[in-house]
Amino acid sequence: MLGVLIADIFGPDIIVVLLLAVLLLFGGSQLPKLARSLGSASHEFKKAVEEGSKGNEAEQDKPDTANNKPAE
């Protein structure tokens, strides 16, 4: 879906120019390292989001006893 949004915002000519600029900035030997680090960062982010959503579901299932104070 993100690829479709980028293609809608930028035309194919701009995407090619951006890719060439990245190639010139980082060099051909650094691109696989850059792609690998971006992939692992994306994987870690997705893992953290899934763990966070599981934690939120578990908290919602527990009754809220912290705010139950005796009447004075």
Protein backbone atom coordinates (compact mmCIF):
# COMPACT_ATOMS: atom_id res chain seq x y z
CA MET A 1 0.00 0.00 0.00
CA LEU A 2 2.85 2.36 0.78
CA GLY A 3 4.33 1.71 -2.66
CA VAL A 4 1.06 2.73 -4.27
CA LEU A 5 0.95 5.94 -2.23
CA ILE A 6 4.52 6.84 -3.16
CA ALA A 7 3.79 6.15 -6.83
CA ASP A 8 0.72 8.39 -6.63
CA ILE A 9 2.60 11.26 -5.00
CA PHE A 10 5.79 11.03 -7.06
CA GLY A 11 5.91 10.25 -10.73
CA PRO A 12 8.13 7.48 -12.05
CA ASP A 13 10.71 9.99 -13.26
CA ILE A 14 11.14 11.47 -9.77
CA ILE A 15 11.45 8.00 -8.23
CA VAL A 16 14.24 7.13 -10.71
CA VAL A 17 16.07 10.37 -9.91
CA LEU A 18 15.78 9.68 -6.17
CA LEU A 19 17.10 6.14 -6.61
CA LEU A 20 20.06 7.42 -8.62
CA ALA A 21 20.79 10.04 -5.94
CA VAL A 22 20.76 7.34 -3.24
CA LEU A 23 23.08 5.22 -5.38
CA LEU A 24 25.50 8.12 -5.77
CA LEU A 25 25.38 9.06 -2.08
CA PHE A 26 25.85 5.60 -0.60
CA GLY A 27 27.61 3.75 -3.40
CA GLY A 28 26.80 0.36 -4.83
CA SER A 29 28.61 -1.57 -2.10
CA GLN A 30 26.71 0.12 0.72
CA LEU A 31 23.19 -0.41 -0.68
CA PRO A 32 22.83 -4.06 0.43
CA LYS A 33 23.93 -3.10 3.95
CA LEU A 34 21.48 -0.21 3.98
CA ALA A 35 18.62 -2.40 2.74
CA ARG A 36 19.45 -5.10 5.30
CA SER A 37 19.47 -2.62 8.18
CA LEU A 38 16.18 -1.07 7.02
CA GLY A 39 14.63 -4.54 6.80
CA SER A 40 15.75 -5.52 10.29
CA ALA A 41 14.56 -2.19 11.70
CA SER A 42 11.17 -2.73 10.07
CA HIS A 43 10.99 -6.26 11.49
CA GLU A 44 11.83 -5.04 15.01
CA PHE A 45 9.24 -2.26 14.75
CA LYS A 46 6.50 -4.67 13.69
CA LYS A 47 7.48 -7.06 16.49
CA ALA A 48 7.30 -4.26 19.06
CA VAL A 49 3.91 -3.09 17.78
CA GLU A 50 2.51 -6.63 18.00
CA GLU A 51 3.86 -7.07 21.54
CA GLY A 52 2.43 -3.70 22.54
CA SER A 53 -1.01 -4.53 21.19
CA LYS A 54 -0.97 -7.89 23.00
CA GLY A 55 -0.03 -6.10 26.22
CA ASN A 56 -2.88 -3.62 25.79
CA GLU A 57 -5.38 -6.44 25.24
CA ALA A 58 -4.19 -8.19 28.39
CA GLU A 59 -4.54 -4.98 30.42
CA GLN A 60 -8.07 -4.43 29.16
CA ASP A 61 -9.09 -7.94 30.23
CA LYS A 62 -7.97 -7.41 33.84
CA PRO A 63 -10.40 -5.65 36.20
CA ASP A 64 -9.29 -2.21 37.30
CA THR A 65 -8.71 -2.54 41.05
CA ALA A 66 -6.21 0.31 41.46
CA ASN A 67 -8.88 3.03 41.35
CA ASN A 68 -11.34 1.29 43.70
CA LYS A 69 -10.91 3.24 46.94
CA PRO A 70 -13.12 2.71 49.97
CA ALA A 71 -15.73 5.39 50.55
CA GLU A 72 -14.82 7.86 53.25
